[in-house]
Amino acid sequence: MPKRKKPIEGKIVSKAEDKIWNEWYDKLTPQDHDKMLKQLGLDDEDREEFQEELKEEKKEIKKTKKK
């Protein structure tokens, strides 16, 4: 099996399908996102945990952007 090239540090490798997925994902409302997580089989506890982790991640991103 061919190996994937290791991305150059600090450089994001994106593909056309990544761009399409990101555009779709950015348009999701919180309710739509929750519905998708339910379809993937996450229960209420898992979805709450996911939302908490997502909030923490967003806080970290904001902190790094301010520097």
C-alpha atoms as a PDB file:
ATOM      1  CA  MET A   1       0.000   0.000   0.000  1.00  0.00           C
ATOM      2  CA  PRO A   2       1.441   3.411  -0.915  1.00  0.00           C
ATOM      3  CA  LYS A   3       2.244   5.701   1.973  1.00  0.00           C
ATOM      4  CA  ARG A   4       0.836   9.195   2.218  1.00  0.00           C
ATOM      5  CA  LYS A   5       3.314  11.999   2.018  1.00  0.00           C
ATOM      6  CA  LYS A   6       4.016  13.576   5.350  1.00  0.00           C
ATOM      7  CA  PRO A   7       2.639  17.141   5.311  1.00  0.00           C
ATOM      8  CA  ILE A   8       5.156  19.935   5.482  1.00  0.00           C
ATOM      9  CA  GLU A   9       5.148  21.334   8.983  1.00  0.00           C
ATOM     10  CA  GLY A  10       2.798  24.295   9.283  1.00  0.00           C
ATOM     11  CA  LYS A  11       1.315  23.747   5.854  1.00  0.00           C
ATOM     12  CA  ILE A  12      -2.157  22.266   5.485  1.00  0.00           C
ATOM     13  CA  VAL A  13      -2.670  19.943   2.564  1.00  0.00           C
ATOM     14  CA  SER A  14      -6.216  20.316   1.288  1.00  0.00           C
ATOM     15  CA  LYS A  15      -8.059  18.557  -1.456  1.00  0.00           C
ATOM     16  CA  ALA A  16     -11.114  19.573  -3.461  1.00  0.00           C
ATOM     17  CA  GLU A  17     -13.342  17.213  -1.468  1.00  0.00           C
ATOM     18  CA  ASP A  18     -12.028  18.763   1.765  1.00  0.00           C
ATOM     19  CA  LYS A  19     -13.101  22.207   0.586  1.00  0.00           C
ATOM     20  CA  ILE A  20     -16.572  20.943  -0.344  1.00  0.00           C
ATOM     21  CA  TRP A  21     -16.938  19.177   3.010  1.00  0.00           C
ATOM     22  CA  ASN A  22     -15.793  22.282   4.923  1.00  0.00           C
ATOM     23  CA  GLU A  23     -18.310  24.462   3.095  1.00  0.00           C
ATOM     24  CA  TRP A  24     -21.083  21.981   3.926  1.00  0.00           C
ATOM     25  CA  TYR A  25     -19.948  21.700   7.555  1.00  0.00           C
ATOM     26  CA  ASP A  26     -19.748  25.473   8.038  1.00  0.00           C
ATOM     27  CA  LYS A  27     -23.388  25.814   6.940  1.00  0.00           C
ATOM     28  CA  LEU A  28     -24.659  23.335   9.551  1.00  0.00           C
ATOM     29  CA  THR A  29     -26.732  24.802  12.343  1.00  0.00           C
ATOM     30  CA  PRO A  30     -26.110  23.480  15.857  1.00  0.00           C
ATOM     31  CA  GLN A  31     -29.396  21.559  15.582  1.00  0.00           C
ATOM     32  CA  ASP A  32     -28.358  19.992  12.262  1.00  0.00           C
ATOM     33  CA  HIS A  33     -24.990  19.072  13.730  1.00  0.00           C
ATOM     34  CA  ASP A  34     -26.646  17.428  16.739  1.00  0.00           C
ATOM     35  CA  LYS A  35     -28.947  15.491  14.404  1.00  0.00           C
ATOM     36  CA  MET A  36     -25.947  14.242  12.420  1.00  0.00           C
ATOM     37  CA  LEU A  37     -24.224  13.076  15.607  1.00  0.00           C
ATOM     38  CA  LYS A  38     -27.397  11.166  16.541  1.00  0.00           C
ATOM     39  CA  GLN A  39     -27.386   9.494  13.119  1.00  0.00           C
ATOM     40  CA  LEU A  40     -23.794   8.439  13.731  1.00  0.00           C
ATOM     41  CA  GLY A  41     -24.935   6.649  16.885  1.00  0.00           C
ATOM     42  CA  LEU A  42     -23.801   9.030  19.623  1.00  0.00           C
ATOM     43  CA  ASP A  43     -26.030   9.066  22.688  1.00  0.00           C
ATOM     44  CA  ASP A  44     -26.951  12.176  24.700  1.00  0.00           C
ATOM     45  CA  GLU A  45     -23.937  11.889  26.998  1.00  0.00           C
ATOM     46  CA  ASP A  46     -21.505  11.503  24.097  1.00  0.00           C
ATOM     47  CA  ARG A  47     -22.989  14.500  22.272  1.00  0.00           C
ATOM     48  CA  GLU A  48     -22.760  16.677  25.401  1.00  0.00           C
ATOM     49  CA  GLU A  49     -19.129  15.632  25.878  1.00  0.00           C
ATOM     50  CA  PHE A  50     -18.412  16.407  22.228  1.00  0.00           C
ATOM     51  CA  GLN A  51     -19.974  19.877  22.553  1.00  0.00           C
ATOM     52  CA  GLU A  52     -17.888  20.624  25.659  1.00  0.00           C
ATOM     53  CA  GLU A  53     -14.680  19.571  23.910  1.00  0.00           C
ATOM     54  CA  LEU A  54     -15.610  21.654  20.881  1.00  0.00           C
ATOM     55  CA  LYS A  55     -16.122  24.744  23.067  1.00  0.00           C
ATOM     56  CA  GLU A  56     -12.730  24.209  24.728  1.00  0.00           C
ATOM     57  CA  GLU A  57     -11.072  23.807  21.340  1.00  0.00           C
ATOM     58  CA  LYS A  58     -12.636  27.058  20.091  1.00  0.00           C
ATOM     59  CA  LYS A  59     -11.382  28.867  23.210  1.00  0.00           C
ATOM     60  CA  GLU A  60      -7.847  27.600  22.547  1.00  0.00           C
ATOM     61  CA  ILE A  61      -8.028  28.750  18.927  1.00  0.00           C
ATOM     62  CA  LYS A  62      -9.138  32.229  20.016  1.00  0.00           C
ATOM     63  CA  LYS A  63      -6.254  32.419  22.508  1.00  0.00           C
ATOM     64  CA  THR A  64      -3.677  31.515  19.882  1.00  0.00           C
ATOM     65  CA  LYS A  65      -5.117  34.024  17.386  1.00  0.00           C
ATOM     66  CA  LYS A  66      -4.880  36.859  19.927  1.00  0.00           C
ATOM     67  CA  LYS A  67      -1.126  36.313  20.399  1.00  0.00           C
END
